Amino acid sequence: MSSDFPPWWRRRWRTFELIDEMMREFERWFEEEFRRFERELPRDLIREIRTPTGIRREIGPIVYGYSITIGPDGRPVIREFGNVRPSRRGEPPMLTVEREPLVDVLDEEDKVRVIAEVPGVNKEDINLNVTDTKLTIKVDTEKRRYYKEIDLPAEVDAENAKASYNNGVLEVTLPKKVTRRPVKQIKVE
C-alpha cells in the first residue's frame, strides 16, 4: 500500500484485509465441516441419479421438526419428529435413515386415537403392531422409511383396533379396555 494515503486510510485498509482473511478462514472451516458431515451421513440417504447431463447426487430427506401442545395438566408437551436427533453441545447431530413421523395421541373417553403424518407411501406399505400399551408404526420402502414407537396413555383392546390412511395421514383408533370391577358390598356400622 502506498504511503501517499493518510494514516487513517491505511488503518481502515488493514481492517478490510483482516475481514477478508476471516471470511477465507470461515469458508475453509465450512468446507471441512461439510466434508465431515458427508462422510458421517448414512449411505442410504445418498442417491446418485443419471441425467442426460451426467450424474447428480441427492442427499436426503433430512427432516427435523417439533410440535408443541398443551397437556392435560396445562403444561406444554414438546414432541420431536424427523430423522435428525439433536446431540450434546459441540457434537454433530445424529442422522438416521428412518424418519420419525409427526404423531398426535388423543386420549378420549372410550378410545385412544393416534394420528400420524406418513406421506409418500401406499397404505399397503404401512405396518402397525399394537400391544395393550404400545403402538408401533413402521414403513420400509425404497423411497421412504418411517418408524415410531408410541406409548399409549391407557390399556387398549388390540383385537378391535381400526386404522385408515388418506392423503398421507394415518389414523388409528384403539378402543380402551373395559375393566369390570367386582361389586363390593359395604357393611354399615
N, C-alpha and C. Protein backbone atom coordinates (compact mmCIF):
# COMPACT_ATOMS: atom_id res chain seq x y z
N MET A 1 0.85 -1.17 0.00
CA MET A 1 0.00 0.00 0.00
C MET A 1 0.89 1.23 0.00
N SER A 2 0.52 2.16 -0.76
CA SER A 2 1.32 3.37 -0.95
C SER A 2 1.29 4.24 0.31
N SER A 3 2.40 4.94 0.55
CA SER A 3 2.46 5.85 1.69
C SER A 3 1.81 7.19 1.36
N ASP A 4 1.25 7.31 0.12
CA ASP A 4 0.56 8.53 -0.27
C ASP A 4 -0.77 8.69 0.46
N PHE A 5 -1.29 7.57 1.00
CA PHE A 5 -2.58 7.63 1.69
C PHE A 5 -2.36 8.10 3.12
N PRO A 6 -3.31 8.80 3.68
CA PRO A 6 -3.17 9.24 5.08
C PRO A 6 -3.21 8.03 6.03
N PRO A 7 -2.67 8.17 7.24
CA PRO A 7 -2.62 7.06 8.20
C PRO A 7 -4.00 6.47 8.51
N TRP A 8 -5.01 7.29 8.65
CA TRP A 8 -6.34 6.77 8.97
C TRP A 8 -6.85 5.85 7.86
N TRP A 9 -6.49 6.14 6.60
CA TRP A 9 -6.92 5.27 5.49
C TRP A 9 -6.18 3.94 5.51
N ARG A 10 -4.89 3.97 5.85
CA ARG A 10 -4.11 2.73 5.94
C ARG A 10 -4.68 1.83 7.04
N ARG A 11 -5.06 2.41 8.19
CA ARG A 11 -5.67 1.61 9.26
C ARG A 11 -6.98 0.99 8.78
N ARG A 12 -7.78 1.74 8.06
CA ARG A 12 -9.05 1.23 7.55
C ARG A 12 -8.80 0.10 6.54
N TRP A 13 -7.78 0.28 5.69
CA TRP A 13 -7.46 -0.75 4.71
C TRP A 13 -7.04 -2.05 5.40
N ARG A 14 -6.26 -1.95 6.48
CA ARG A 14 -5.83 -3.12 7.24
C ARG A 14 -7.04 -3.84 7.84
N THR A 15 -8.04 -3.08 8.28
CA THR A 15 -9.28 -3.67 8.80
C THR A 15 -9.95 -4.50 7.73
N PHE A 16 -10.01 -3.99 6.51
CA PHE A 16 -10.63 -4.75 5.41
C PHE A 16 -9.83 -6.02 5.10
N GLU A 17 -8.52 -5.95 5.20
CA GLU A 17 -7.69 -7.13 4.99
C GLU A 17 -7.97 -8.19 6.06
N LEU A 18 -8.14 -7.77 7.31
CA LEU A 18 -8.46 -8.70 8.39
C LEU A 18 -9.83 -9.36 8.17
N ILE A 19 -10.79 -8.58 7.76
CA ILE A 19 -12.14 -9.12 7.49
C ILE A 19 -12.07 -10.12 6.35
N ASP A 20 -11.31 -9.80 5.33
CA ASP A 20 -11.17 -10.70 4.19
C ASP A 20 -10.52 -12.02 4.62
N GLU A 21 -9.50 -11.97 5.46
CA GLU A 21 -8.86 -13.18 5.97
C GLU A 21 -9.83 -13.99 6.82
N MET A 22 -10.64 -13.32 7.65
CA MET A 22 -11.64 -14.02 8.46
C MET A 22 -12.64 -14.76 7.57
N MET A 23 -13.05 -14.14 6.49
CA MET A 23 -14.02 -14.76 5.57
C MET A 23 -13.40 -15.98 4.90
N ARG A 24 -12.14 -15.89 4.49
CA ARG A 24 -11.46 -17.05 3.89
C ARG A 24 -11.36 -18.19 4.90
N GLU A 25 -11.05 -17.88 6.16
CA GLU A 25 -10.97 -18.89 7.22
C GLU A 25 -12.34 -19.53 7.45
N PHE A 26 -13.39 -18.75 7.44
CA PHE A 26 -14.74 -19.27 7.61
C PHE A 26 -15.10 -20.22 6.46
N GLU A 27 -14.75 -19.85 5.23
CA GLU A 27 -15.02 -20.71 4.07
C GLU A 27 -14.27 -22.04 4.19
N ARG A 28 -13.02 -22.01 4.64
CA ARG A 28 -12.25 -23.25 4.84
C ARG A 28 -12.92 -24.13 5.89
N TRP A 29 -13.32 -23.53 7.01
CA TRP A 29 -13.97 -24.28 8.07
C TRP A 29 -15.29 -24.89 7.57
N PHE A 30 -16.08 -24.10 6.85
CA PHE A 30 -17.36 -24.58 6.34
C PHE A 30 -17.17 -25.75 5.38
N GLU A 31 -16.21 -25.69 4.48
CA GLU A 31 -15.93 -26.78 3.55
C GLU A 31 -15.50 -28.04 4.30
N GLU A 32 -14.65 -27.88 5.32
CA GLU A 32 -14.20 -29.02 6.11
C GLU A 32 -15.38 -29.66 6.86
N GLU A 33 -16.24 -28.86 7.45
CA GLU A 33 -17.40 -29.38 8.17
C GLU A 33 -18.37 -30.10 7.22
N PHE A 34 -18.55 -29.56 6.03
CA PHE A 34 -19.45 -30.20 5.07
C PHE A 34 -18.88 -31.55 4.62
N ARG A 35 -17.57 -31.63 4.40
CA ARG A 35 -16.96 -32.92 4.04
C ARG A 35 -17.11 -33.94 5.17
N ARG A 36 -16.92 -33.50 6.43
CA ARG A 36 -17.11 -34.39 7.58
C ARG A 36 -18.56 -34.84 7.67
N PHE A 37 -19.48 -33.94 7.49
CA PHE A 37 -20.91 -34.26 7.53
C PHE A 37 -21.25 -35.30 6.46
N GLU A 38 -20.71 -35.13 5.26
CA GLU A 38 -20.98 -36.05 4.16
C GLU A 38 -20.39 -37.44 4.46
N ARG A 39 -19.21 -37.50 5.11
CA ARG A 39 -18.60 -38.79 5.47
C ARG A 39 -19.46 -39.54 6.49
N GLU A 40 -20.06 -38.81 7.43
CA GLU A 40 -20.82 -39.44 8.51
C GLU A 40 -22.28 -39.68 8.16
N LEU A 41 -22.72 -39.21 7.02
CA LEU A 41 -24.11 -39.36 6.60
C LEU A 41 -24.40 -40.83 6.28
N PRO A 42 -25.52 -41.38 6.76
CA PRO A 42 -25.86 -42.75 6.40
C PRO A 42 -25.93 -42.92 4.88
N ARG A 43 -25.33 -43.97 4.37
CA ARG A 43 -25.25 -44.20 2.92
C ARG A 43 -26.62 -44.30 2.26
N ASP A 44 -27.64 -44.75 3.01
CA ASP A 44 -28.97 -44.87 2.43
C ASP A 44 -29.61 -43.51 2.14
N LEU A 45 -29.05 -42.44 2.67
CA LEU A 45 -29.58 -41.11 2.41
C LEU A 45 -28.93 -40.44 1.20
N ILE A 46 -27.97 -41.13 0.57
CA ILE A 46 -27.29 -40.57 -0.60
C ILE A 46 -27.67 -41.39 -1.83
N ARG A 47 -28.15 -40.70 -2.85
CA ARG A 47 -28.53 -41.37 -4.09
C ARG A 47 -27.83 -40.68 -5.26
N GLU A 48 -27.42 -41.48 -6.24
CA GLU A 48 -26.87 -40.93 -7.47
C GLU A 48 -27.86 -41.21 -8.58
N ILE A 49 -28.21 -40.15 -9.31
CA ILE A 49 -29.22 -40.26 -10.37
C ILE A 49 -28.57 -39.88 -11.69
N ARG A 50 -28.74 -40.75 -12.69
CA ARG A 50 -28.20 -40.45 -14.02
C ARG A 50 -29.17 -39.53 -14.75
N THR A 51 -28.62 -38.46 -15.26
CA THR A 51 -29.40 -37.50 -16.04
C THR A 51 -28.74 -37.35 -17.41
N PRO A 52 -29.41 -36.74 -18.37
CA PRO A 52 -28.79 -36.54 -19.69
C PRO A 52 -27.49 -35.74 -19.63
N THR A 53 -27.35 -34.91 -18.58
CA THR A 53 -26.15 -34.08 -18.47
C THR A 53 -25.07 -34.70 -17.59
N GLY A 54 -25.34 -35.87 -17.00
CA GLY A 54 -24.34 -36.52 -16.14
C GLY A 54 -24.98 -37.14 -14.92
N ILE A 55 -24.19 -37.35 -13.90
CA ILE A 55 -24.69 -37.95 -12.66
C ILE A 55 -24.91 -36.84 -11.64
N ARG A 56 -26.09 -36.89 -11.01
CA ARG A 56 -26.44 -35.90 -9.98
C ARG A 56 -26.60 -36.64 -8.65
N ARG A 57 -25.99 -36.10 -7.60
CA ARG A 57 -26.10 -36.68 -6.27
C ARG A 57 -27.21 -35.97 -5.50
N GLU A 58 -28.05 -36.78 -4.87
CA GLU A 58 -29.10 -36.24 -4.00
C GLU A 58 -28.86 -36.76 -2.59
N ILE A 59 -29.07 -35.91 -1.63
CA ILE A 59 -28.93 -36.29 -0.23
C ILE A 59 -30.27 -36.03 0.45
N GLY A 60 -30.74 -37.02 1.20
CA GLY A 60 -31.94 -36.76 1.97
C GLY A 60 -32.97 -37.85 1.83
N PRO A 61 -34.11 -37.65 2.38
CA PRO A 61 -34.54 -36.43 3.05
C PRO A 61 -33.93 -36.30 4.44
N ILE A 62 -33.65 -35.07 4.81
CA ILE A 62 -33.19 -34.75 6.15
C ILE A 62 -34.26 -33.86 6.75
N VAL A 63 -34.92 -34.37 7.79
CA VAL A 63 -36.09 -33.70 8.35
C VAL A 63 -35.94 -33.57 9.85
N TYR A 64 -36.23 -32.40 10.37
CA TYR A 64 -36.32 -32.20 11.82
C TYR A 64 -37.42 -31.19 12.09
N GLY A 65 -38.25 -31.50 13.04
CA GLY A 65 -39.30 -30.57 13.44
C GLY A 65 -39.81 -30.93 14.82
N TYR A 66 -40.70 -30.11 15.31
CA TYR A 66 -41.32 -30.39 16.60
C TYR A 66 -42.71 -29.78 16.64
N SER A 67 -43.54 -30.33 17.51
CA SER A 67 -44.86 -29.76 17.72
C SER A 67 -45.01 -29.51 19.22
N ILE A 68 -45.74 -28.48 19.54
CA ILE A 68 -45.98 -28.13 20.93
C ILE A 68 -47.49 -28.11 21.15
N THR A 69 -47.93 -28.86 22.14
CA THR A 69 -49.34 -28.86 22.53
C THR A 69 -49.40 -28.67 24.04
N ILE A 70 -50.59 -28.38 24.51
CA ILE A 70 -50.79 -28.23 25.94
C ILE A 70 -51.33 -29.54 26.48
N GLY A 71 -50.65 -30.10 27.47
CA GLY A 71 -51.06 -31.37 28.06
C GLY A 71 -52.25 -31.21 28.98
N PRO A 72 -52.79 -32.32 29.48
CA PRO A 72 -53.95 -32.26 30.36
C PRO A 72 -53.69 -31.51 31.66
N ASP A 73 -52.42 -31.43 32.05
CA ASP A 73 -52.07 -30.71 33.27
C ASP A 73 -51.82 -29.22 33.02
N GLY A 74 -52.01 -28.77 31.78
CA GLY A 74 -51.81 -27.37 31.45
C GLY A 74 -50.39 -26.99 31.09
N ARG A 75 -49.49 -27.96 31.11
CA ARG A 75 -48.09 -27.69 30.78
C ARG A 75 -47.84 -28.04 29.32
N PRO A 76 -46.89 -27.37 28.66
CA PRO A 76 -46.60 -27.69 27.26
C PRO A 76 -45.95 -29.06 27.10
N VAL A 77 -46.33 -29.73 26.03
CA VAL A 77 -45.75 -31.02 25.67
C VAL A 77 -45.05 -30.83 24.33
N ILE A 78 -43.75 -31.09 24.28
CA ILE A 78 -42.97 -30.91 23.05
C ILE A 78 -42.64 -32.27 22.49
N ARG A 79 -43.01 -32.49 21.21
CA ARG A 79 -42.71 -33.76 20.54
C ARG A 79 -41.88 -33.45 19.30
N GLU A 80 -40.77 -34.17 19.18
CA GLU A 80 -39.89 -34.01 18.02
C GLU A 80 -40.24 -35.07 16.97
N PHE A 81 -39.93 -34.74 15.72
CA PHE A 81 -40.11 -35.73 14.66
C PHE A 81 -39.03 -35.50 13.62
N GLY A 82 -38.86 -36.49 12.73
CA GLY A 82 -37.86 -36.40 11.67
C GLY A 82 -36.80 -37.47 11.82
N ASN A 83 -35.69 -37.31 11.11
CA ASN A 83 -34.61 -38.28 11.20
C ASN A 83 -33.31 -37.66 11.70
N VAL A 84 -33.40 -36.50 12.30
CA VAL A 84 -32.24 -35.83 12.90
C VAL A 84 -32.45 -35.84 14.40
N ARG A 85 -31.48 -36.33 15.12
CA ARG A 85 -31.53 -36.35 16.58
C ARG A 85 -30.52 -35.35 17.10
N PRO A 86 -30.99 -34.33 17.81
CA PRO A 86 -30.03 -33.37 18.38
C PRO A 86 -29.08 -34.10 19.32
N SER A 87 -27.88 -33.57 19.45
CA SER A 87 -26.88 -34.21 20.30
C SER A 87 -26.43 -33.22 21.36
N ARG A 88 -25.48 -33.68 22.15
CA ARG A 88 -24.94 -32.80 23.18
C ARG A 88 -24.17 -31.66 22.54
N ARG A 89 -23.99 -30.64 23.30
CA ARG A 89 -23.30 -29.44 22.83
C ARG A 89 -21.92 -29.77 22.28
N GLY A 90 -21.63 -29.27 21.10
CA GLY A 90 -20.33 -29.47 20.49
C GLY A 90 -20.23 -30.70 19.61
N GLU A 91 -21.22 -31.58 19.65
CA GLU A 91 -21.20 -32.78 18.82
C GLU A 91 -22.16 -32.59 17.65
N PRO A 92 -21.88 -33.24 16.53
CA PRO A 92 -22.79 -33.11 15.39
C PRO A 92 -24.09 -33.87 15.67
N PRO A 93 -25.19 -33.47 15.04
CA PRO A 93 -26.44 -34.19 15.25
C PRO A 93 -26.37 -35.60 14.65
N MET A 94 -27.16 -36.51 15.20
CA MET A 94 -27.23 -37.88 14.71
C MET A 94 -28.28 -37.95 13.60
N LEU A 95 -27.94 -38.61 12.51
CA LEU A 95 -28.87 -38.80 11.40
C LEU A 95 -29.22 -40.28 11.29
N THR A 96 -30.49 -40.56 11.04
CA THR A 96 -30.91 -41.93 10.83
C THR A 96 -31.62 -42.02 9.48
N VAL A 97 -31.69 -43.21 8.94
CA VAL A 97 -32.36 -43.42 7.67
C VAL A 97 -33.87 -43.37 7.87
N GLU A 98 -34.33 -43.96 8.99
CA GLU A 98 -35.76 -43.97 9.28
C GLU A 98 -36.18 -42.62 9.85
N ARG A 99 -37.27 -42.12 9.32
CA ARG A 99 -37.79 -40.84 9.76
C ARG A 99 -38.90 -41.08 10.78
N GLU A 100 -38.88 -40.33 11.84
CA GLU A 100 -39.93 -40.42 12.85
C GLU A 100 -41.06 -39.49 12.44
N PRO A 101 -42.28 -40.03 12.24
CA PRO A 101 -43.37 -39.17 11.78
C PRO A 101 -43.90 -38.28 12.90
N LEU A 102 -44.55 -37.20 12.51
CA LEU A 102 -45.24 -36.33 13.46
C LEU A 102 -46.48 -37.07 13.91
N VAL A 103 -46.66 -37.21 15.22
CA VAL A 103 -47.75 -38.02 15.77
C VAL A 103 -48.48 -37.23 16.85
N ASP A 104 -49.80 -37.33 16.84
CA ASP A 104 -50.64 -36.81 17.92
C ASP A 104 -51.37 -37.99 18.54
N VAL A 105 -51.40 -38.05 19.86
CA VAL A 105 -52.11 -39.10 20.59
C VAL A 105 -53.24 -38.42 21.35
N LEU A 106 -54.47 -38.82 21.04
CA LEU A 106 -55.64 -38.23 21.67
C LEU A 106 -56.29 -39.25 22.59
N ASP A 107 -56.31 -38.94 23.87
CA ASP A 107 -56.90 -39.83 24.89
C ASP A 107 -58.34 -39.38 25.08
N GLU A 108 -59.26 -40.13 24.48
CA GLU A 108 -60.68 -39.81 24.57
C GLU A 108 -61.34 -40.71 25.59
N GLU A 109 -62.62 -40.49 25.86
CA GLU A 109 -63.31 -41.20 26.93
C GLU A 109 -63.26 -42.71 26.79
N ASP A 110 -63.59 -43.22 25.60
CA ASP A 110 -63.68 -44.67 25.42
C ASP A 110 -62.66 -45.22 24.43
N LYS A 111 -61.80 -44.36 23.91
CA LYS A 111 -60.83 -44.81 22.92
C LYS A 111 -59.58 -43.92 22.93
N VAL A 112 -58.54 -44.43 22.31
CA VAL A 112 -57.31 -43.67 22.08
C VAL A 112 -57.18 -43.55 20.57
N ARG A 113 -57.00 -42.31 20.09
CA ARG A 113 -56.78 -42.09 18.67
C ARG A 113 -55.35 -41.63 18.46
N VAL A 114 -54.69 -42.23 17.47
CA VAL A 114 -53.33 -41.86 17.11
C VAL A 114 -53.38 -41.37 15.67
N ILE A 115 -52.92 -40.14 15.46
CA ILE A 115 -52.90 -39.55 14.12
C ILE A 115 -51.44 -39.27 13.77
N ALA A 116 -50.99 -39.83 12.64
CA ALA A 116 -49.58 -39.71 12.24
C ALA A 116 -49.49 -39.27 10.79
N GLU A 117 -48.52 -38.41 10.52
CA GLU A 117 -48.24 -37.98 9.15
C GLU A 117 -47.19 -38.91 8.56
N VAL A 118 -47.58 -39.68 7.54
CA VAL A 118 -46.65 -40.58 6.85
C VAL A 118 -46.86 -40.42 5.34
N PRO A 119 -46.46 -39.28 4.80
CA PRO A 119 -46.71 -39.02 3.38
C PRO A 119 -45.80 -39.82 2.45
N GLY A 120 -46.28 -39.99 1.23
CA GLY A 120 -45.45 -40.57 0.18
C GLY A 120 -45.41 -42.08 0.15
N VAL A 121 -46.35 -42.75 0.83
CA VAL A 121 -46.38 -44.21 0.83
C VAL A 121 -47.79 -44.69 0.51
N ASN A 122 -47.91 -45.97 0.18
CA ASN A 122 -49.21 -46.60 -0.02
C ASN A 122 -49.65 -47.23 1.29
N LYS A 123 -50.95 -47.40 1.46
CA LYS A 123 -51.44 -47.98 2.71
C LYS A 123 -50.93 -49.40 2.91
N GLU A 124 -50.64 -50.10 1.81
CA GLU A 124 -50.12 -51.47 1.92
C GLU A 124 -48.71 -51.50 2.51
N ASP A 125 -47.99 -50.37 2.45
CA ASP A 125 -46.62 -50.30 2.96
C ASP A 125 -46.55 -50.05 4.47
N ILE A 126 -47.68 -49.73 5.08
CA ILE A 126 -47.70 -49.36 6.50
C ILE A 126 -47.90 -50.61 7.35
N ASN A 127 -46.98 -50.85 8.27
CA ASN A 127 -47.08 -51.97 9.21
C ASN A 127 -47.38 -51.41 10.59
N LEU A 128 -48.48 -51.87 11.17
CA LEU A 128 -48.88 -51.43 12.50
C LEU A 128 -48.87 -52.64 13.43
N ASN A 129 -48.24 -52.50 14.58
CA ASN A 129 -48.25 -53.52 15.61
C ASN A 129 -48.69 -52.88 16.91
N VAL A 130 -49.61 -53.54 17.60
CA VAL A 130 -50.13 -52.97 18.83
C VAL A 130 -50.15 -54.02 19.94
N THR A 131 -49.79 -53.57 21.14
CA THR A 131 -49.95 -54.37 22.35
C THR A 131 -50.95 -53.62 23.21
N ASP A 132 -51.12 -54.05 24.43
CA ASP A 132 -52.05 -53.36 25.33
C ASP A 132 -51.66 -51.91 25.59
N THR A 133 -50.37 -51.62 25.53
CA THR A 133 -49.90 -50.28 25.93
C THR A 133 -48.98 -49.60 24.92
N LYS A 134 -48.75 -50.22 23.77
CA LYS A 134 -47.79 -49.64 22.82
C LYS A 134 -48.25 -49.87 21.38
N LEU A 135 -48.06 -48.83 20.54
CA LEU A 135 -48.33 -48.92 19.11
C LEU A 135 -47.03 -48.64 18.37
N THR A 136 -46.72 -49.48 17.39
CA THR A 136 -45.53 -49.29 16.57
C THR A 136 -45.95 -49.06 15.13
N ILE A 137 -45.46 -47.97 14.54
CA ILE A 137 -45.71 -47.65 13.14
C ILE A 137 -44.39 -47.85 12.41
N LYS A 138 -44.43 -48.65 11.32
CA LYS A 138 -43.21 -48.89 10.55
C LYS A 138 -43.54 -48.92 9.06
N VAL A 139 -42.73 -48.19 8.29
CA VAL A 139 -42.82 -48.20 6.83
C VAL A 139 -41.40 -48.37 6.32
N ASP A 140 -41.21 -49.32 5.40
CA ASP A 140 -39.87 -49.56 4.86
C ASP A 140 -40.01 -49.77 3.35
N THR A 141 -39.93 -48.67 2.59
CA THR A 141 -39.98 -48.75 1.14
C THR A 141 -38.66 -48.23 0.59
N GLU A 142 -38.51 -48.32 -0.71
CA GLU A 142 -37.27 -47.85 -1.33
C GLU A 142 -37.09 -46.35 -1.14
N LYS A 143 -38.19 -45.59 -1.21
CA LYS A 143 -38.08 -44.13 -1.13
C LYS A 143 -38.30 -43.57 0.27
N ARG A 144 -39.13 -44.23 1.08
CA ARG A 144 -39.46 -43.68 2.39
C ARG A 144 -39.35 -44.75 3.47
N ARG A 145 -38.84 -44.31 4.62
CA ARG A 145 -38.78 -45.18 5.80
C ARG A 145 -39.25 -44.37 7.00
N TYR A 146 -40.21 -44.93 7.69
CA TYR A 146 -40.73 -44.30 8.91
C TYR A 146 -40.69 -45.33 10.03
N TYR A 147 -40.48 -44.84 11.25
CA TYR A 147 -40.53 -45.72 12.41
C TYR A 147 -40.85 -44.89 13.64
N LYS A 148 -41.84 -45.39 14.41
CA LYS A 148 -42.20 -44.70 15.65
C LYS A 148 -42.85 -45.69 16.60
N GLU A 149 -42.36 -45.72 17.84
CA GLU A 149 -43.00 -46.48 18.92
C GLU A 149 -43.71 -45.48 19.80
N ILE A 150 -44.99 -45.75 20.05
CA ILE A 150 -45.82 -44.81 20.81
C ILE A 150 -46.32 -45.51 22.07
N ASP A 151 -46.01 -44.94 23.22
CA ASP A 151 -46.57 -45.43 24.48
C ASP A 151 -47.98 -44.87 24.59
N LEU A 152 -48.95 -45.76 24.72
CA LEU A 152 -50.35 -45.35 24.77
C LEU A 152 -50.72 -44.91 26.19
N PRO A 153 -51.62 -43.94 26.33
CA PRO A 153 -51.97 -43.41 27.65
C PRO A 153 -52.89 -44.33 28.47
N ALA A 154 -53.42 -45.38 27.84
CA ALA A 154 -54.30 -46.32 28.55
C ALA A 154 -54.17 -47.69 27.90
N GLU A 155 -54.61 -48.72 28.61
CA GLU A 155 -54.62 -50.06 28.02
C GLU A 155 -55.72 -50.11 26.97
N VAL A 156 -55.39 -50.72 25.82
CA VAL A 156 -56.35 -50.76 24.72
C VAL A 156 -56.69 -52.19 24.35
N ASP A 157 -57.81 -52.32 23.65
CA ASP A 157 -58.26 -53.61 23.14
C ASP A 157 -57.69 -53.75 21.74
N ALA A 158 -56.57 -54.43 21.62
CA ALA A 158 -55.86 -54.56 20.34
C ALA A 158 -56.68 -55.30 19.29
N GLU A 159 -57.56 -56.20 19.73
CA GLU A 159 -58.35 -57.00 18.78
C GLU A 159 -59.34 -56.15 17.98
N ASN A 160 -59.80 -55.05 18.54
CA ASN A 160 -60.81 -54.22 17.88
C ASN A 160 -60.25 -52.90 17.34
N ALA A 161 -58.96 -52.83 17.16
CA ALA A 161 -58.34 -51.61 16.64
C ALA A 161 -58.65 -51.46 15.16
N LYS A 162 -58.75 -50.22 14.72
CA LYS A 162 -59.01 -49.92 13.31
C LYS A 162 -58.05 -48.83 12.86
N ALA A 163 -57.73 -48.85 11.55
CA ALA A 163 -56.83 -47.84 11.01
C ALA A 163 -57.31 -47.42 9.63
N SER A 164 -57.09 -46.14 9.31
CA SER A 164 -57.39 -45.63 7.98
C SER A 164 -56.23 -44.74 7.54
N TYR A 165 -56.07 -44.62 6.22
CA TYR A 165 -54.97 -43.83 5.66
C TYR A 165 -55.52 -43.03 4.48
N ASN A 166 -55.35 -41.72 4.53
CA ASN A 166 -55.87 -40.87 3.47
C ASN A 166 -54.98 -39.63 3.34
N ASN A 167 -54.51 -39.35 2.13
CA ASN A 167 -53.70 -38.15 1.84
C ASN A 167 -52.50 -38.01 2.77
N GLY A 168 -51.81 -39.10 3.05
CA GLY A 168 -50.60 -39.05 3.86
C GLY A 168 -50.83 -39.03 5.35
N VAL A 169 -52.09 -39.11 5.79
CA VAL A 169 -52.40 -39.07 7.21
C VAL A 169 -52.96 -40.43 7.64
N LEU A 170 -52.31 -41.03 8.62
CA LEU A 170 -52.72 -42.31 9.18
C LEU A 170 -53.47 -42.04 10.47
N GLU A 171 -54.66 -42.65 10.60
CA GLU A 171 -55.43 -42.52 11.84
C GLU A 171 -55.72 -43.91 12.37
N VAL A 172 -55.30 -44.16 13.60
CA VAL A 172 -55.51 -45.44 14.25
C VAL A 172 -56.44 -45.21 15.44
N THR A 173 -57.54 -45.96 15.48
CA THR A 173 -58.49 -45.86 16.58
C THR A 173 -58.40 -47.14 17.40
N LEU A 174 -58.12 -46.98 18.69
CA LEU A 174 -57.91 -48.11 19.59
C LEU A 174 -58.90 -48.00 20.75
N PRO A 175 -59.91 -48.89 20.79
CA PRO A 175 -60.85 -48.83 21.92
C PRO A 175 -60.14 -49.18 23.23
N LYS A 176 -60.51 -48.47 24.28
CA LYS A 176 -59.91 -48.75 25.59
C LYS A 176 -60.48 -50.06 26.13
N LYS A 177 -59.65 -50.75 26.90
CA LYS A 177 -60.10 -51.98 27.55
C LYS A 177 -61.13 -51.61 28.61
N VAL A 178 -62.19 -52.40 28.63
CA VAL A 178 -63.22 -52.18 29.65
C VAL A 178 -62.83 -53.03 30.85
N THR A 179 -62.57 -52.38 31.94
CA THR A 179 -62.22 -53.12 33.16
C THR A 179 -63.44 -53.15 34.05
N ARG A 180 -63.93 -54.32 34.24
CA ARG A 180 -65.10 -54.50 35.10
C ARG A 180 -64.60 -54.79 36.51
N ARG A 181 -64.94 -53.90 37.37
CA ARG A 181 -64.55 -54.08 38.76
C ARG A 181 -65.63 -54.88 39.47
N PRO A 182 -65.22 -55.81 40.29
CA PRO A 182 -66.23 -56.59 41.02
C PRO A 182 -66.99 -55.70 42.00
N VAL A 183 -68.25 -56.02 42.15
CA VAL A 183 -69.08 -55.27 43.08
C VAL A 183 -68.70 -55.68 44.49
N LYS A 184 -68.48 -54.69 45.31
CA LYS A 184 -68.10 -54.97 46.69
C LYS A 184 -69.18 -54.43 47.60
N GLN A 185 -69.62 -55.26 48.50
CA GLN A 185 -70.66 -54.85 49.44
C GLN A 185 -69.99 -54.16 50.62
N ILE A 186 -70.60 -53.09 51.07
CA ILE A 186 -70.07 -52.32 52.19
C ILE A 186 -70.97 -52.57 53.40
N LYS A 187 -70.36 -52.92 54.49
CA LYS A 187 -71.10 -53.17 55.72
C LYS A 187 -71.36 -51.86 56.42
N VAL A 188 -72.59 -51.66 56.82
CA VAL A 188 -72.97 -50.43 57.51
C VAL A 188 -72.73 -50.65 59.00
N GLU A 189 -72.05 -49.75 59.65
CA GLU A 189 -71.76 -49.89 61.08
C GLU A 189 -72.69 -49.07 61.90
